[in-house]
C-alpha cells in the first residue's frame, strides 16, 4: 500500500528512468508553498522542504514515510 502511494506521488516524474532518490532537492518555483519531503543522499535521510508548486524534480514526497519507503533508507541506499 505504501509503495502504491509512492508510485502515485511519483507520476509527475519527468522521465520513467529517473531515480528521484538520486536527484538534488529542488524547491521549484511559483508561490503555492507546500511542505514536502526529499531524500538527502549524503545523510541517507529524508528531510522536509518547502516546494513552490511548479517545476522542481521528482525528489519530492508527501510524507517522510513515503520518502523512506521509496528510497529504502533502512537498506542504506
PDB file of N, CA and C in Angstrom:
ATOM      1  N   UNK A   1       0.831  -1.194   0.000  1.00  0.00           N
ATOM      2  CA  UNK A   1       0.000   0.000   0.000  1.00  0.00           C
ATOM      3  C   UNK A   1       0.874   1.256   0.000  1.00  0.00           C
ATOM      4  N   UNK A   2       1.913   1.266   0.812  1.00  0.00           N
ATOM      5  CA  UNK A   2       2.808   2.430   0.852  1.00  0.00           C
ATOM      6  C   UNK A   2       3.486   2.620  -0.503  1.00  0.00           C
ATOM      7  N   UNK A   3       3.943   1.525  -1.104  1.00  0.00           N
ATOM      8  CA  UNK A   3       4.610   1.652  -2.401  1.00  0.00           C
ATOM      9  C   UNK A   3       3.634   2.113  -3.475  1.00  0.00           C
ATOM     10  N   UNK A   4       2.384   1.668  -3.397  1.00  0.00           N
ATOM     11  CA  UNK A   4       1.382   2.131  -4.360  1.00  0.00           C
ATOM     12  C   UNK A   4       1.183   3.628  -4.218  1.00  0.00           C
ATOM     13  N   UNK A   5       1.145   4.110  -2.980  1.00  0.00           N
ATOM     14  CA  UNK A   5       1.011   5.547  -2.740  1.00  0.00           C
ATOM     15  C   UNK A   5       2.237   6.278  -3.279  1.00  0.00           C
ATOM     16  N   UNK A   6       3.412   5.725  -3.044  1.00  0.00           N
ATOM     17  CA  UNK A   6       4.640   6.349  -3.533  1.00  0.00           C
ATOM     18  C   UNK A   6       4.630   6.433  -5.056  1.00  0.00           C
ATOM     19  N   UNK A   7       4.169   5.374  -5.707  1.00  0.00           N
ATOM     20  CA  UNK A   7       4.097   5.398  -7.172  1.00  0.00           C
ATOM     21  C   UNK A   7       3.127   6.463  -7.659  1.00  0.00           C
ATOM     22  N   UNK A   8       1.995   6.594  -6.969  1.00  0.00           N
ATOM     23  CA  UNK A   8       1.026   7.631  -7.355  1.00  0.00           C
ATOM     24  C   UNK A   8       1.647   9.014  -7.200  1.00  0.00           C
ATOM     25  N   UNK A   9       2.398   9.211  -6.127  1.00  0.00           N
ATOM     26  CA  UNK A   9       3.018  10.514  -5.893  1.00  0.00           C
ATOM     27  C   UNK A   9       4.092  10.815  -6.925  1.00  0.00           C
ATOM     28  N   UNK A  10       4.672   9.796  -7.515  1.00  0.00           N
ATOM     29  CA  UNK A  10       5.770   9.998  -8.450  1.00  0.00           C
ATOM     30  C   UNK A  10       5.334  10.081  -9.903  1.00  0.00           C
ATOM     31  N   UNK A  11       4.040  10.122 -10.165  1.00  0.00           N
ATOM     32  CA  UNK A  11       3.548  10.217 -11.545  1.00  0.00           C
ATOM     33  C   UNK A  11       4.080  11.447 -12.264  1.00  0.00           C
ATOM     34  N   UNK A  12       4.454  12.469 -11.504  1.00  0.00           N
ATOM     35  CA  UNK A  12       4.938  13.707 -12.102  1.00  0.00           C
ATOM     36  C   UNK A  12       6.396  13.613 -12.532  1.00  0.00           C
ATOM     37  N   UNK A  13       7.038  12.468 -12.356  1.00  0.00           N
ATOM     38  CA  UNK A  13       8.445  12.312 -12.718  1.00  0.00           C
ATOM     39  C   UNK A  13       8.644  12.683 -14.187  1.00  0.00           C
ATOM     40  N   UNK A  14       9.737  13.362 -14.470  1.00  0.00           N
ATOM     41  CA  UNK A  14       9.979  13.829 -15.835  1.00  0.00           C
ATOM     42  C   UNK A  14      10.401  12.700 -16.764  1.00  0.00           C
ATOM     43  N   UNK A  15      10.995  11.660 -16.228  1.00  0.00           N
ATOM     44  CA  UNK A  15      11.427  10.525 -17.036  1.00  0.00           C
ATOM     45  C   UNK A  15      11.154   9.246 -16.264  1.00  0.00           C
ATOM     46  N   UNK A  16      10.650   8.221 -16.932  1.00  0.00           N
ATOM     47  CA  UNK A  16      10.394   6.972 -16.217  1.00  0.00           C
ATOM     48  C   UNK A  16      11.670   6.309 -15.715  1.00  0.00           C
ATOM     49  N   UNK A  17      12.832   6.691 -16.250  1.00  0.00           N
ATOM     50  CA  UNK A  17      14.102   6.115 -15.820  1.00  0.00           C
ATOM     51  C   UNK A  17      14.766   6.926 -14.717  1.00  0.00           C
ATOM     52  N   UNK A  18      14.212   8.074 -14.403  1.00  0.00           N
ATOM     53  CA  UNK A  18      14.799   8.972 -13.418  1.00  0.00           C
ATOM     54  C   UNK A  18      14.583   8.421 -12.003  1.00  0.00           C
ATOM     55  N   UNK A  19      15.661   8.236 -11.243  1.00  0.00           N
ATOM     56  CA  UNK A  19      15.557   7.782  -9.857  1.00  0.00           C
ATOM     57  C   UNK A  19      15.452   9.020  -8.977  1.00  0.00           C
ATOM     58  N   UNK A  20      14.286   9.278  -8.401  1.00  0.00           N
ATOM     59  CA  UNK A  20      14.116  10.500  -7.617  1.00  0.00           C
ATOM     60  C   UNK A  20      15.066  10.583  -6.434  1.00  0.00           C
ATOM     61  N   UNK A  21      15.491   9.449  -5.906  1.00  0.00           N
ATOM     62  CA  UNK A  21      16.352   9.444  -4.724  1.00  0.00           C
ATOM     63  C   UNK A  21      17.775   9.897  -5.035  1.00  0.00           C
ATOM     64  N   UNK A  22      18.135   9.961  -6.288  1.00  0.00           N
ATOM     65  CA  UNK A  22      19.483  10.396  -6.678  1.00  0.00           C
ATOM     66  C   UNK A  22      19.519  11.855  -7.141  1.00  0.00           C
ATOM     67  N   UNK A  23      18.377  12.489  -7.151  1.00  0.00           N
ATOM     68  CA  UNK A  23      18.303  13.882  -7.592  1.00  0.00           C
ATOM     69  C   UNK A  23      18.487  14.834  -6.417  1.00  0.00           C
ATOM     70  N   UNK A  24      19.016  16.023  -6.663  1.00  0.00           N
ATOM     71  CA  UNK A  24      19.126  17.016  -5.586  1.00  0.00           C
ATOM     72  C   UNK A  24      17.751  17.575  -5.233  1.00  0.00           C
ATOM     73  N   UNK A  25      17.640  18.123  -4.054  1.00  0.00           N
ATOM     74  CA  UNK A  25      16.403  18.792  -3.661  1.00  0.00           C
ATOM     75  C   UNK A  25      16.219  20.004  -4.569  1.00  0.00           C
ATOM     76  N   UNK A  26      15.008  20.207  -5.048  1.00  0.00           N
ATOM     77  CA  UNK A  26      14.701  21.341  -5.919  1.00  0.00           C
ATOM     78  C   UNK A  26      13.401  21.966  -5.438  1.00  0.00           C
ATOM     79  N   UNK A  27      13.487  23.187  -4.921  1.00  0.00           N
ATOM     80  CA  UNK A  27      12.316  23.870  -4.356  1.00  0.00           C
ATOM     81  C   UNK A  27      11.288  24.252  -5.399  1.00  0.00           C
ATOM     82  N   UNK A  28      11.678  24.231  -6.673  1.00  0.00           N
ATOM     83  CA  UNK A  28      10.750  24.634  -7.716  1.00  0.00           C
ATOM     84  C   UNK A  28      10.502  26.131  -7.686  1.00  0.00           C
ATOM     85  N   UNK A  29       9.473  26.546  -8.406  1.00  0.00           N
ATOM     86  CA  UNK A  29       9.134  27.965  -8.465  1.00  0.00           C
ATOM     87  C   UNK A  29       7.665  28.134  -8.110  1.00  0.00           C
ATOM     88  N   UNK A  30       7.125  29.260  -8.372  1.00  0.00           N
ATOM     89  CA  UNK A  30       5.744  29.636  -8.029  1.00  0.00           C
ATOM     90  C   UNK A  30       5.626  29.909  -6.527  1.00  0.00           C
ATOM     91  N   UNK A  31       4.457  30.291  -6.119  1.00  0.00           N
ATOM     92  CA  UNK A  31       4.241  30.691  -4.730  1.00  0.00           C
ATOM     93  C   UNK A  31       3.181  29.851  -4.031  1.00  0.00           C
ATOM     94  N   UNK A  32       2.956  28.643  -4.512  1.00  0.00           N
ATOM     95  CA  UNK A  32       1.992  27.737  -3.865  1.00  0.00           C
ATOM     96  C   UNK A  32       2.756  26.831  -2.911  1.00  0.00           C
ATOM     97  N   UNK A  33       3.195  27.399  -1.828  1.00  0.00           N
ATOM     98  CA  UNK A  33       4.083  26.700  -0.908  1.00  0.00           C
ATOM     99  C   UNK A  33       3.420  25.500  -0.249  1.00  0.00           C
ATOM    100  N   UNK A  34       4.147  24.387  -0.274  1.00  0.00           N
ATOM    101  CA  UNK A  34       3.689  23.143   0.322  1.00  0.00           C
ATOM    102  C   UNK A  34       4.868  22.493   1.029  1.00  0.00           C
ATOM    103  N   UNK A  35       4.646  22.001   2.231  1.00  0.00           N
ATOM    104  CA  UNK A  35       5.695  21.281   2.943  1.00  0.00           C
ATOM    105  C   UNK A  35       5.737  19.847   2.427  1.00  0.00           C
ATOM    106  N   UNK A  36       6.866  19.471   1.854  1.00  0.00           N
ATOM    107  CA  UNK A  36       7.071  18.124   1.328  1.00  0.00           C
ATOM    108  C   UNK A  36       8.373  17.569   1.892  1.00  0.00           C
ATOM    109  N   UNK A  37       8.727  16.372   1.466  1.00  0.00           N
ATOM    110  CA  UNK A  37       9.943  15.701   1.920  1.00  0.00           C
ATOM    111  C   UNK A  37      10.803  15.331   0.716  1.00  0.00           C
ATOM    112  N   UNK A  38      12.121  15.378   0.898  1.00  0.00           N
ATOM    113  CA  UNK A  38      13.046  14.950  -0.152  1.00  0.00           C
ATOM    114  C   UNK A  38      14.098  14.038   0.467  1.00  0.00           C
ATOM    115  N   UNK A  39      14.711  13.217  -0.371  1.00  0.00           N
ATOM    116  CA  UNK A  39      15.764  12.318   0.099  1.00  0.00           C
ATOM    117  C   UNK A  39      17.111  13.001  -0.045  1.00  0.00           C
ATOM    118  N   UNK A  40      17.868  13.053   1.049  1.00  0.00           N
ATOM    119  CA  UNK A  40      19.207  13.638   1.076  1.00  0.00           C
ATOM    120  C   UNK A  40      20.204  12.478   1.077  1.00  0.00           C
ATOM    121  N   UNK A  41      20.849  12.260  -0.065  1.00  0.00           N
ATOM    122  CA  UNK A  41      21.714  11.103  -0.242  1.00  0.00           C
ATOM    123  C   UNK A  41      22.881  11.024   0.720  1.00  0.00           C
ATOM    124  N   UNK A  42      23.591  12.129   0.932  1.00  0.00           N
ATOM    125  CA  UNK A  42      24.760  12.101   1.810  1.00  0.00           C
ATOM    126  C   UNK A  42      24.381  11.764   3.243  1.00  0.00           C
ATOM    127  N   UNK A  43      23.224  12.238   3.676  1.00  0.00           N
ATOM    128  CA  UNK A  43      22.761  11.972   5.042  1.00  0.00           C
ATOM    129  C   UNK A  43      21.984  10.657   5.131  1.00  0.00           C
ATOM    130  N   UNK A  44      21.655  10.061   3.983  1.00  0.00           N
ATOM    131  CA  UNK A  44      20.812   8.864   3.931  1.00  0.00           C
ATOM    132  C   UNK A  44      19.565   9.076   4.788  1.00  0.00           C
ATOM    133  N   UNK A  45      18.919  10.220   4.566  1.00  0.00           N
ATOM    134  CA  UNK A  45      17.744  10.581   5.366  1.00  0.00           C
ATOM    135  C   UNK A  45      16.779  11.406   4.530  1.00  0.00           C
ATOM    136  N   UNK A  46      15.525  11.341   4.914  1.00  0.00           N
ATOM    137  CA  UNK A  46      14.510  12.182   4.289  1.00  0.00           C
ATOM    138  C   UNK A  46      14.352  13.438   5.126  1.00  0.00           C
ATOM    139  N   UNK A  47      14.319  14.567   4.456  1.00  0.00           N
ATOM    140  CA  UNK A  47      14.244  15.853   5.148  1.00  0.00           C
ATOM    141  C   UNK A  47      13.101  16.689   4.582  1.00  0.00           C
ATOM    142  N   UNK A  48      12.517  17.547   5.408  1.00  0.00           N
ATOM    143  CA  UNK A  48      11.430  18.397   4.923  1.00  0.00           C
ATOM    144  C   UNK A  48      11.969  19.578   4.119  1.00  0.00           C
ATOM    145  N   UNK A  49      11.150  20.067   3.200  1.00  0.00           N
ATOM    146  CA  UNK A  49      11.473  21.288   2.471  1.00  0.00           C
ATOM    147  C   UNK A  49      10.178  21.911   1.978  1.00  0.00           C
ATOM    148  N   UNK A  50      10.262  23.178   1.605  1.00  0.00           N
ATOM    149  CA  UNK A  50       9.088  23.890   1.101  1.00  0.00           C
ATOM    150  C   UNK A  50       9.161  23.908  -0.421  1.00  0.00           C
ATOM    151  N   UNK A  51       8.157  23.320  -1.049  1.00  0.00           N
ATOM    152  CA  UNK A  51       8.073  23.253  -2.508  1.00  0.00           C
ATOM    153  C   UNK A  51       7.186  24.384  -2.998  1.00  0.00           C
ATOM    154  N   UNK A  52       7.636  25.076  -4.043  1.00  0.00           N
ATOM    155  CA  UNK A  52       6.908  26.227  -4.564  1.00  0.00           C
ATOM    156  C   UNK A  52       5.678  25.903  -5.396  1.00  0.00           C
ATOM    157  N   UNK A  53       5.559  24.667  -5.855  1.00  0.00           N
ATOM    158  CA  UNK A  53       4.364  24.278  -6.592  1.00  0.00           C
ATOM    159  C   UNK A  53       4.541  24.117  -8.089  1.00  0.00           C
ATOM    160  N   UNK A  54       5.636  24.612  -8.652  1.00  0.00           N
ATOM    161  CA  UNK A  54       5.888  24.485 -10.091  1.00  0.00           C
ATOM    162  C   UNK A  54       7.326  24.034 -10.299  1.00  0.00           C
ATOM    163  N   UNK A  55       7.549  23.316 -11.393  1.00  0.00           N
ATOM    164  CA  UNK A  55       8.907  22.890 -11.717  1.00  0.00           C
ATOM    165  C   UNK A  55       9.417  21.875 -10.721  1.00  0.00           C
ATOM    166  N   UNK A  56      10.661  22.023 -10.349  1.00  0.00           N
ATOM    167  CA  UNK A  56      11.262  21.070  -9.434  1.00  0.00           C
ATOM    168  C   UNK A  56      11.599  19.768 -10.144  1.00  0.00           C
ATOM    169  N   UNK A  57      11.809  18.727  -9.365  1.00  0.00           N
ATOM    170  CA  UNK A  57      12.063  17.412  -9.934  1.00  0.00           C
ATOM    171  C   UNK A  57      11.288  16.371  -9.135  1.00  0.00           C
ATOM    172  N   UNK A  58      11.532  15.118  -9.389  1.00  0.00           N
ATOM    173  CA  UNK A  58      10.724  14.070  -8.759  1.00  0.00           C
ATOM    174  C   UNK A  58      11.210  13.663  -7.373  1.00  0.00           C
ATOM    175  N   UNK A  59      12.256  14.305  -6.860  1.00  0.00           N
ATOM    176  CA  UNK A  59      12.697  14.020  -5.491  1.00  0.00           C
ATOM    177  C   UNK A  59      11.853  14.848  -4.528  1.00  0.00           C
ATOM    178  N   UNK A  60      10.579  14.507  -4.449  1.00  0.00           N
ATOM    179  CA  UNK A  60       9.660  15.152  -3.509  1.00  0.00           C
ATOM    180  C   UNK A  60       8.543  14.177  -3.186  1.00  0.00           C
ATOM    181  N   UNK A  61       8.245  14.112  -1.909  1.00  0.00           N
ATOM    182  CA  UNK A  61       7.285  13.133  -1.409  1.00  0.00           C
ATOM    183  C   UNK A  61       6.343  13.820  -0.434  1.00  0.00           C
ATOM    184  N   UNK A  62       5.119  13.321  -0.356  1.00  0.00           N
ATOM    185  CA  UNK A  62       4.112  13.931   0.513  1.00  0.00           C
ATOM    186  C   UNK A  62       4.325  13.623   1.984  1.00  0.00           C
ATOM    187  N   UNK A  63       5.058  12.562   2.292  1.00  0.00           N
ATOM    188  CA  UNK A  63       5.289  12.221   3.698  1.00  0.00           C
ATOM    189  C   UNK A  63       6.700  11.677   3.882  1.00  0.00           C
ATOM    190  N   UNK A  64       7.186  11.755   5.110  1.00  0.00           N
ATOM    191  CA  UNK A  64       8.502  11.209   5.432  1.00  0.00           C
ATOM    192  C   UNK A  64       8.505   9.698   5.221  1.00  0.00           C
ATOM    193  N   UNK A  65       7.440   9.040   5.638  1.00  0.00           N
ATOM    194  CA  UNK A  65       7.356   7.587   5.497  1.00  0.00           C
ATOM    195  C   UNK A  65       7.420   7.167   4.028  1.00  0.00           C
ATOM    196  N   UNK A  66       6.696   7.860   3.168  1.00  0.00           N
ATOM    197  CA  UNK A  66       6.727   7.532   1.742  1.00  0.00           C
ATOM    198  C   UNK A  66       8.133   7.721   1.188  1.00  0.00           C
ATOM    199  N   UNK A  67       8.786   8.799   1.564  1.00  0.00           N
ATOM    200  CA  UNK A  67      10.164   9.059   1.140  1.00  0.00           C
ATOM    201  C   UNK A  67      11.078   7.928   1.598  1.00  0.00           C
ATOM    202  N   UNK A  68      10.956   7.546   2.857  1.00  0.00           N
ATOM    203  CA  UNK A  68      11.806   6.484   3.391  1.00  0.00           C
ATOM    204  C   UNK A  68      11.554   5.157   2.692  1.00  0.00           C
ATOM    205  N   UNK A  69      10.313   4.832   2.455  1.00  0.00           N
ATOM    206  CA  UNK A  69       9.993   3.570   1.781  1.00  0.00           C
ATOM    207  C   UNK A  69      10.486   3.589   0.333  1.00  0.00           C
ATOM    208  N   UNK A  70      10.269   4.704  -0.352  1.00  0.00           N
ATOM    209  CA  UNK A  70      10.655   4.798  -1.758  1.00  0.00           C
ATOM    210  C   UNK A  70      12.177   4.704  -1.905  1.00  0.00           C
ATOM    211  N   UNK A  71      12.897   5.374  -1.023  1.00  0.00           N
ATOM    212  CA  UNK A  71      14.357   5.439  -1.129  1.00  0.00           C
ATOM    213  C   UNK A  71      15.059   4.381  -0.284  1.00  0.00           C
ATOM    214  N   UNK A  72      14.306   3.515   0.362  1.00  0.00           N
ATOM    215  CA  UNK A  72      14.851   2.374   1.102  1.00  0.00           C
ATOM    216  C   UNK A  72      15.946   2.783   2.079  1.00  0.00           C
ATOM    217  N   UNK A  73      15.630   3.727   2.936  1.00  0.00           N
ATOM    218  CA  UNK A  73      16.603   4.253   3.890  1.00  0.00           C
ATOM    219  C   UNK A  73      17.200   3.154   4.764  1.00  0.00           C
ATOM    220  N   UNK A  74      16.396   2.210   5.180  1.00  0.00           N
ATOM    221  CA  UNK A  74      16.892   1.175   6.087  1.00  0.00           C
ATOM    222  C   UNK A  74      17.924   0.264   5.437  1.00  0.00           C
ATOM    223  N   UNK A  75      17.988   0.218   4.116  1.00  0.00           N
ATOM    224  CA  UNK A  75      18.965  -0.638   3.447  1.00  0.00           C
ATOM    225  C   UNK A  75      20.235   0.128   3.084  1.00  0.00           C
ATOM    226  N   UNK A  76      20.289   1.391   3.448  1.00  0.00           N
ATOM    227  CA  UNK A  76      21.482   2.176   3.185  1.00  0.00           C
ATOM    228  C   UNK A  76      21.761   2.424   1.724  1.00  0.00           C
ATOM    229  N   UNK A  77      20.735   2.740   0.984  1.00  0.00           N
ATOM    230  CA  UNK A  77      20.832   3.025  -0.448  1.00  0.00           C
ATOM    231  C   UNK A  77      22.062   3.807  -0.696  1.00  0.00           C
TER     232      UNK A  77
END
